[in-house]
C-alpha atoms as a PDB file:
ATOM      1  CA  MET A   1       7.194   1.099  -5.691  1.00  0.00           C
ATOM      2  CA  LYS A   2       3.926   0.076  -5.036  1.00  0.00           C
ATOM      3  CA  LEU A   3       4.061  -1.900  -8.649  1.00  0.00           C
ATOM      4  CA  GLU A   4       7.611  -3.416  -7.656  1.00  0.00           C
ATOM      5  CA  PHE A   5       6.658  -4.457  -4.194  1.00  0.00           C
ATOM      6  CA  THR A   6       3.472  -6.223  -5.320  1.00  0.00           C
ATOM      7  CA  THR A   7       5.751  -7.954  -8.203  1.00  0.00           C
ATOM      8  CA  LEU A   8       8.051  -9.709  -5.301  1.00  0.00           C
ATOM      9  CA  LEU A   9       4.671 -10.426  -3.686  1.00  0.00           C
ATOM     10  CA  LEU A  10       3.538 -12.641  -6.210  1.00  0.00           C
ATOM     11  CA  PHE A  11       6.734 -14.056  -6.966  1.00  0.00           C
ATOM     12  CA  SER A  12       7.196 -14.867  -3.032  1.00  0.00           C
ATOM     13  CA  LEU A  13       4.185 -17.182  -3.690  1.00  0.00           C
ATOM     14  CA  LEU A  14       5.428 -19.259  -6.477  1.00  0.00           C
ATOM     15  CA  SER A  15       9.281 -19.531  -4.738  1.00  0.00           C
ATOM     16  CA  GLY A  16       8.688 -22.880  -2.148  1.00  0.00           C
ATOM     17  CA  HIS A  17       9.136 -22.979   1.106  1.00  0.00           C
ATOM     18  CA  ILE A  18      11.797 -20.939   2.647  1.00  0.00           C
ATOM     19  CA  ALA A  19      15.130 -22.011   4.714  1.00  0.00           C
ATOM     20  CA  SER A  20      15.002 -20.770   7.952  1.00  0.00           C
ATOM     21  CA  GLN A  21      18.780 -19.730   8.457  1.00  0.00           C
ATOM     22  CA  ASN A  22      18.267 -16.793   4.863  1.00  0.00           C
ATOM     23  CA  VAL A  23      14.956 -15.494   6.915  1.00  0.00           C
ATOM     24  CA  THR A  24      16.592 -11.692   7.764  1.00  0.00           C
ATOM     25  CA  GLU A  25      13.238  -9.902   8.701  1.00  0.00           C
ATOM     26  CA  ALA A  26       9.379 -10.430   9.105  1.00  0.00           C
ATOM     27  CA  PHE A  27       7.026  -7.697   8.351  1.00  0.00           C
ATOM     28  CA  SER A  28       3.136  -7.882   7.672  1.00  0.00           C
ATOM     29  CA  TYR A  29       1.232  -6.420   4.774  1.00  0.00           C
ATOM     30  CA  LYS A  30      -2.897  -6.332   4.391  1.00  0.00           C
ATOM     31  CA  GLY A  31      -2.906  -8.784   7.230  1.00  0.00           C
ATOM     32  CA  ASN A  32      -0.694 -11.008   6.180  1.00  0.00           C
ATOM     33  CA  ILE A  33       3.080 -12.253   6.936  1.00  0.00           C
ATOM     34  CA  TYR A  34       5.883 -12.269   5.164  1.00  0.00           C
ATOM     35  CA  ALA A  35       9.628 -13.175   5.681  1.00  0.00           C
ATOM     36  CA  GLN A  36      12.030 -11.557   3.588  1.00  0.00           C
ATOM     37  CA  ASP A  37      15.244 -14.252   2.265  1.00  0.00           C
ATOM     38  CA  GLY A  38      18.075 -11.528   1.760  1.00  0.00           C
ATOM     39  CA  LYS A  39      17.542  -8.651   0.068  1.00  0.00           C
ATOM     40  CA  ILE A  40      15.817  -9.446  -2.204  1.00  0.00           C
ATOM     41  CA  TYR A  41      12.919 -12.589  -2.319  1.00  0.00           C
ATOM     42  CA  PHE A  42       9.688 -12.190  -0.011  1.00  0.00           C
ATOM     43  CA  HIS A  43       7.748 -15.454   0.955  1.00  0.00           C
ATOM     44  CA  GLN A  44       4.150 -15.354   2.467  1.00  0.00           C
ATOM     45  CA  VAL A  45       4.271 -17.045   5.551  1.00  0.00           C
ATOM     46  CA  THR A  46       0.536 -16.784   6.605  1.00  0.00           C
ATOM     47  CA  LYS A  47      -2.802 -15.618   4.445  1.00  0.00           C
ATOM     48  CA  SER A  48      -5.637 -15.238   6.849  1.00  0.00           C
ATOM     49  CA  GLY A  49      -5.810 -11.755   6.291  1.00  0.00           C
ATOM     50  CA  LEU A  50      -5.697 -11.380  10.737  1.00  0.00           C
ATOM     51  CA  ASP A  51      -2.274 -11.055  11.054  1.00  0.00           C
ATOM     52  CA  THR A  52      -0.073  -8.082  12.782  1.00  0.00           C
ATOM     53  CA  LEU A  53       3.351  -7.499  14.404  1.00  0.00           C
ATOM     54  CA  PRO A  54       5.425 -10.027  13.904  1.00  0.00           C
ATOM     55  CA  SER A  55       8.844 -10.425  15.299  1.00  0.00           C
ATOM     56  CA  LEU A  56      11.751 -12.953  14.234  1.00  0.00           C
ATOM     57  CA  SER A  57      13.444 -15.039  16.864  1.00  0.00           C
ATOM     58  CA  LYS A  58      17.177 -14.508  17.077  1.00  0.00           C
ATOM     59  CA  ASP A  59      17.797 -17.881  16.036  1.00  0.00           C
ATOM     60  CA  ARG A  60      15.375 -17.836  13.249  1.00  0.00           C
ATOM     61  CA  HIS A  61      13.697 -20.265  13.583  1.00  0.00           C
ATOM     62  CA  PHE A  62      10.303 -18.959  14.517  1.00  0.00           C
ATOM     63  CA  LEU A  63       8.007 -15.879  14.116  1.00  0.00           C
ATOM     64  CA  ILE A  64       5.670 -14.706  16.890  1.00  0.00           C
ATOM     65  CA  TYR A  65       2.666 -12.485  15.411  1.00  0.00           C
ATOM     66  CA  LEU A  66      -0.306 -11.087  16.316  1.00  0.00           C
ATOM     67  CA  ARG A  67      -4.158 -12.614  14.966  1.00  0.00           C
ATOM     68  CA  HIS A  68      -6.864 -10.379  15.628  1.00  0.00           C
ATOM     69  CA  GLN A  69     -10.299 -12.654  15.148  1.00  0.00           C
ATOM     70  CA  GLN A  70     -14.011 -12.241  14.736  1.00  0.00           C
ATOM     71  CA  SER A  71     -16.852 -13.904  15.128  1.00  0.00           C
ATOM     72  CA  GLY A  72     -20.090 -11.974  15.291  1.00  0.00           C
ATOM     73  CA  GLU A  73     -19.821  -9.939  18.558  1.00  0.00           C
ATOM     74  CA  ILE A  74     -17.149 -11.469  20.137  1.00  0.00           C
ATOM     75  CA  ASN A  75     -13.169  -9.988  19.419  1.00  0.00           C
ATOM     76  CA  LEU A  76     -10.419 -12.866  20.076  1.00  0.00           C
ATOM     77  CA  THR A  77      -6.644 -12.222  19.588  1.00  0.00           C
ATOM     78  CA  GLN A  78      -4.635 -14.505  19.386  1.00  0.00           C
ATOM     79  CA  ILE A  79      -0.602 -15.140  20.237  1.00  0.00           C
ATOM     80  CA  ILE A  80       0.941 -17.335  17.408  1.00  0.00           C
ATOM     81  CA  ARG A  81       4.618 -19.072  16.861  1.00  0.00           C
ATOM     82  CA  TYR A  82       5.011 -20.158  13.776  1.00  0.00           C
ATOM     83  CA  ASP A  83       7.923 -22.637  13.076  1.00  0.00           C
ATOM     84  CA  LEU A  84       9.855 -21.552  10.179  1.00  0.00           C
ATOM     85  CA  ARG A  85      11.480 -25.093  10.011  1.00  0.00           C
ATOM     86  CA  THR A  86       8.158 -27.136   9.802  1.00  0.00           C
ATOM     87  CA  SER A  87       5.686 -24.370   8.624  1.00  0.00           C
ATOM     88  CA  THR A  88       3.643 -24.920  10.960  1.00  0.00           C
ATOM     89  CA  GLU A  89       1.670 -22.406  13.803  1.00  0.00           C
ATOM     90  CA  GLU A  90       0.868 -22.749  17.676  1.00  0.00           C
ATOM     91  CA  VAL A  91      -1.519 -20.420  19.500  1.00  0.00           C
ATOM     92  CA  LEU A  92       0.600 -19.388  22.739  1.00  0.00           C
ATOM     93  CA  VAL A  93      -2.276 -17.275  24.577  1.00  0.00           C
ATOM     94  CA  GLN A  94      -5.486 -16.194  23.627  1.00  0.00           C
ATOM     95  CA  ALA A  95      -8.002 -14.122  24.861  1.00  0.00           C
ATOM     96  CA  SER A  96     -11.141 -11.842  24.397  1.00  0.00           C
ATOM     97  CA  GLU A  97     -13.174  -9.457  26.991  1.00  0.00           C
ATOM     98  CA  ASP A  98     -16.620 -10.681  25.332  1.00  0.00           C
ATOM     99  CA  ASN A  99     -16.395 -14.283  26.344  1.00  0.00           C
ATOM    100  CA  PRO A 100     -13.830 -14.633  28.954  1.00  0.00           C
ATOM    101  CA  ASN A 101     -14.494 -18.523  28.893  1.00  0.00           C
ATOM    102  CA  VAL A 102     -12.160 -18.506  25.491  1.00  0.00           C
ATOM    103  CA  SER A 103      -9.668 -16.648  27.479  1.00  0.00           C
ATOM    104  CA  THR A 104      -5.699 -18.404  28.484  1.00  0.00           C
ATOM    105  CA  SER A 105      -6.331 -19.244  32.519  1.00  0.00           C
ATOM    106  CA  ILE A 106      -3.917 -17.405  34.455  1.00  0.00           C
ATOM    107  CA  SER A 107      -2.315 -18.451  37.851  1.00  0.00           C
ATOM    108  CA  TYR A 108      -2.871 -14.318  39.018  1.00  0.00           C
ATOM    109  CA  ALA A 109      -6.259 -13.168  37.698  1.00  0.00           C
ATOM    110  CA  ASN A 110      -8.277 -11.774  40.963  1.00  0.00           C
ATOM    111  CA  SER A 111      -4.996 -10.950  42.789  1.00  0.00           C
ATOM    112  CA  ASP A 112      -3.982  -7.602  44.796  1.00  0.00           C
ATOM    113  CA  ASN A 113      -2.226  -6.695  41.241  1.00  0.00           C
ATOM    114  CA  TYR A 114      -4.297  -7.787  38.894  1.00  0.00           C
ATOM    115  CA  PRO A 115      -7.895  -7.969  39.754  1.00  0.00           C
ATOM    116  CA  PHE A 116      -9.644  -9.866  36.862  1.00  0.00           C
ATOM    117  CA  SER A 117     -11.057 -12.743  36.138  1.00  0.00           C
ATOM    118  CA  CYS A 118      -9.035 -13.532  32.450  1.00  0.00           C
ATOM    119  CA  LEU A 119      -7.100 -12.106  30.003  1.00  0.00           C
ATOM    120  CA  GLY A 120      -8.496  -8.974  28.100  1.00  0.00           C
ATOM    121  CA  ASP A 121      -7.806  -7.784  24.366  1.00  0.00           C
ATOM    122  CA  ILE A 122      -4.053  -7.928  23.462  1.00  0.00           C
ATOM    123  CA  MET A 123      -2.338  -5.616  22.202  1.00  0.00           C
ATOM    124  CA  ASN A 124       1.613  -4.114  21.359  1.00  0.00           C
ATOM    125  CA  MET A 125       3.260  -7.308  21.922  1.00  0.00           C
ATOM    126  CA  LYS A 126       7.153  -7.603  21.769  1.00  0.00           C
ATOM    127  CA  LEU A 127       9.433 -10.092  21.840  1.00  0.00           C
ATOM    128  CA  SER A 128      12.345  -9.641  24.106  1.00  0.00           C
ATOM    129  CA  PRO A 129      15.957  -9.286  22.749  1.00  0.00           C
ATOM    130  CA  ASP A 130      16.956 -12.861  24.192  1.00  0.00           C
ATOM    131  CA  ASN A 131      14.082 -14.700  22.342  1.00  0.00           C
ATOM    132  CA  GLU A 132      12.972 -16.095  25.829  1.00  0.00           C
ATOM    133  CA  ARG A 133       9.728 -13.832  26.778  1.00  0.00           C
ATOM    134  CA  ILE A 134       6.750 -12.355  24.986  1.00  0.00           C
ATOM    135  CA  TYR A 135       5.825  -8.964  26.035  1.00  0.00           C
ATOM    136  CA  PHE A 136       2.130  -8.233  25.852  1.00  0.00           C
ATOM    137  CA  GLU A 137      -0.664  -5.507  27.184  1.00  0.00           C
ATOM    138  CA  THR A 138      -4.189  -6.312  27.360  1.00  0.00           C
ATOM    139  CA  THR A 139      -7.370  -3.769  28.089  1.00  0.00           C
ATOM    140  CA  ALA A 140      -7.773  -3.581  32.276  1.00  0.00           C
ATOM    141  CA  TRP A 141      -7.870  -1.001  34.148  1.00  0.00           C
ATOM    142  CA  THR A 142     -10.183   2.903  32.544  1.00  0.00           C
ATOM    143  CA  VAL A 143      -6.552   4.831  32.695  1.00  0.00           C
ATOM    144  CA  SER A 144      -3.915   2.012  31.928  1.00  0.00           C
ATOM    145  CA  HIS A 145      -3.232  -1.408  30.165  1.00  0.00           C
ATOM    146  CA  ALA A 146      -1.796  -4.129  32.177  1.00  0.00           C
ATOM    147  CA  ILE A 147       1.939  -5.616  31.074  1.00  0.00           C
ATOM    148  CA  HIS A 148       2.095 -10.059  30.944  1.00  0.00           C
ATOM    149  CA  TYR A 149       4.494 -11.874  29.868  1.00  0.00           C
ATOM    150  CA  TYR A 150       4.898 -15.171  28.373  1.00  0.00           C
ATOM    151  CA  VAL A 151       7.548 -17.553  28.967  1.00  0.00           C
ATOM    152  CA  ILE A 152       8.375 -19.373  25.839  1.00  0.00           C
ATOM    153  CA  SER A 153      10.109 -22.242  27.354  1.00  0.00           C
ATOM    154  CA  THR A 154       8.319 -23.056  30.211  1.00  0.00           C
ATOM    155  CA  GLY A 155       4.361 -21.238  28.926  1.00  0.00           C
ATOM    156  CA  GLN A 156       3.608 -19.761  31.885  1.00  0.00           C
ATOM    157  CA  ILE A 157       2.715 -16.431  31.731  1.00  0.00           C
ATOM    158  CA  TYR A 158       3.120 -13.504  34.128  1.00  0.00           C
ATOM    159  CA  PHE A 159       2.139 -10.610  35.443  1.00  0.00           C
ATOM    160  CA  PHE A 160       4.711  -7.370  35.061  1.00  0.00           C
ATOM    161  CA  HIS A 161       2.952  -3.851  35.496  1.00  0.00           C
ATOM    162  CA  SER A 162       0.243  -1.880  34.771  1.00  0.00           C
ATOM    163  CA  GLY A 163       0.992   1.469  32.262  1.00  0.00           C
ATOM    164  CA  ASP A 164       1.863   0.678  28.286  1.00  0.00           C
ATOM    165  CA  LEU A 165       5.482  -0.771  26.442  1.00  0.00           C
ATOM    166  CA  ASN A 166       7.250   1.589  24.818  1.00  0.00           C
ATOM    167  CA  LYS A 167      10.312   0.179  24.079  1.00  0.00           C
ATOM    168  CA  ILE A 168      12.620  -3.231  25.311  1.00  0.00           C
ATOM    169  CA  TYR A 169      16.185  -2.114  25.254  1.00  0.00           C
ATOM    170  CA  PRO A 170      18.913  -4.749  24.123  1.00  0.00           C
ATOM    171  CA  ASN A 171      19.880  -5.348  27.919  1.00  0.00           C
ATOM    172  CA  GLY A 172      16.478  -6.566  28.492  1.00  0.00           C
ATOM    173  CA  MET A 173      15.334  -3.737  30.580  1.00  0.00           C
ATOM    174  CA  LEU A 174      12.086  -1.421  29.256  1.00  0.00           C
ATOM    175  CA  ASN A 175      10.918   1.550  29.161  1.00  0.00           C
ATOM    176  CA  ILE A 176       6.933   1.752  30.484  1.00  0.00           C
ATOM    177  CA  GLN A 177       4.670   4.510  30.434  1.00  0.00           C
ATOM    178  CA  THR A 178       2.550   4.609  33.744  1.00  0.00           C
ATOM    179  CA  THR A 179      -0.145   6.762  34.500  1.00  0.00           C
ATOM    180  CA  ASP A 180       0.158   7.872  38.667  1.00  0.00           C
ATOM    181  CA  LEU A 181      -2.048  10.432  41.113  1.00  0.00           C
ATOM    182  CA  ALA A 182      -0.735  13.196  42.315  1.00  0.00           C
ATOM    183  CA  PHE A 183      -1.651  15.985  44.862  1.00  0.00           C
ATOM    184  CA  ASP A 184      -1.371  19.603  44.695  1.00  0.00           C
ATOM    185  CA  LYS A 185      -0.692  21.733  48.670  1.00  0.00           C
ATOM    186  CA  LYS A 186      -4.696  21.840  48.621  1.00  0.00           C
ATOM    187  CA  GLY A 187      -5.418  18.433  47.792  1.00  0.00           C
ATOM    188  CA  ASN A 188      -6.547  18.288  44.884  1.00  0.00           C
ATOM    189  CA  SER A 189      -5.643  15.213  42.791  1.00  0.00           C
ATOM    190  CA  ALA A 190      -4.544  14.949  39.179  1.00  0.00           C
ATOM    191  CA  ARG A 191      -3.438  12.387  37.033  1.00  0.00           C
ATOM    192  CA  TYR A 192      -0.507  12.355  35.234  1.00  0.00           C
ATOM    193  CA  VAL A 193       1.780  10.307  32.635  1.00  0.00           C
ATOM    194  CA  GLN A 194       5.323   9.456  32.913  1.00  0.00           C
ATOM    195  CA  TYR A 195       8.149   6.990  31.183  1.00  0.00           C
ATOM    196  CA  TRP A 196      10.332   4.789  33.603  1.00  0.00           C
ATOM    197  CA  LEU A 197      13.188   2.980  33.285  1.00  0.00           C
ATOM    198  CA  TYR A 198      12.079  -1.263  34.740  1.00  0.00           C
ATOM    199  CA  ASP A 199      14.864  -4.443  34.557  1.00  0.00           C
ATOM    200  CA  SER A 200      13.521  -7.792  33.494  1.00  0.00           C
ATOM    201  CA  ASP A 201      12.715  -8.652  37.064  1.00  0.00           C
ATOM    202  CA  GLY A 202       9.560  -5.710  37.310  1.00  0.00           C
ATOM    203  CA  LYS A 203      12.044  -3.476  39.800  1.00  0.00           C
ATOM    204  CA  LYS A 204      11.535   0.298  38.665  1.00  0.00           C
ATOM    205  CA  ILE A 205      15.164   1.805  38.239  1.00  0.00           C
ATOM    206  CA  LYS A 206      14.462   5.750  37.238  1.00  0.00           C
ATOM    207  CA  PRO A 207      12.300   7.851  35.852  1.00  0.00           C
ATOM    208  CA  LEU A 208      12.829   8.720  31.612  1.00  0.00           C
ATOM    209  CA  SER A 209      10.849  11.493  31.467  1.00  0.00           C
ATOM    210  CA  LYS A 210       9.074  14.967  33.145  1.00  0.00           C
ATOM    211  CA  ARG A 211       5.851  14.243  35.158  1.00  0.00           C
ATOM    212  CA  ILE A 212       3.563  15.152  31.637  1.00  0.00           C
ATOM    213  CA  PHE A 213      -0.042  16.597  33.476  1.00  0.00           C
END
């Protein structure tokens, strides 16, 4: 199977530009992004060796993926948009815990909901089913990540909620794991995790699991 996959990848390097309307899937392999054309052919999109988490837009016009770079002791993460029609890529968001000066500026920095000066390292990126938002997590609190979303049509970034983004459903609702604080009858505190259903406006709808202490 490995030999067969390698052969297909080698063919893809020789097969020329891919027509965006023919793309059916995108995946990463050894840090590079590939687009699948039908069931047989694979086309290499990136050659950086640094790219993961690709998602294909519903209209098959673009891909998004996450790029991890290392420059000395500085880690940089970027959300990249690749236009399949023009074969060009654009950096939408970038962040670094090690060097806040290179992070994309956000309007809600140092707010009550997000008491940090910049975005932390980016992870767990997902494209919304309607292709209008890119959800992503960043390092934030000791016991919880921060969930943000990037609006593709405006280029604006918003804070969504603290926690971990587990899943986005076809209707746009989100499954989020939160870390909360509970107290027993004696007043002792303990942290626990729980999955909640949220709508796209950030409203908590209902719990999806029992508390796990």
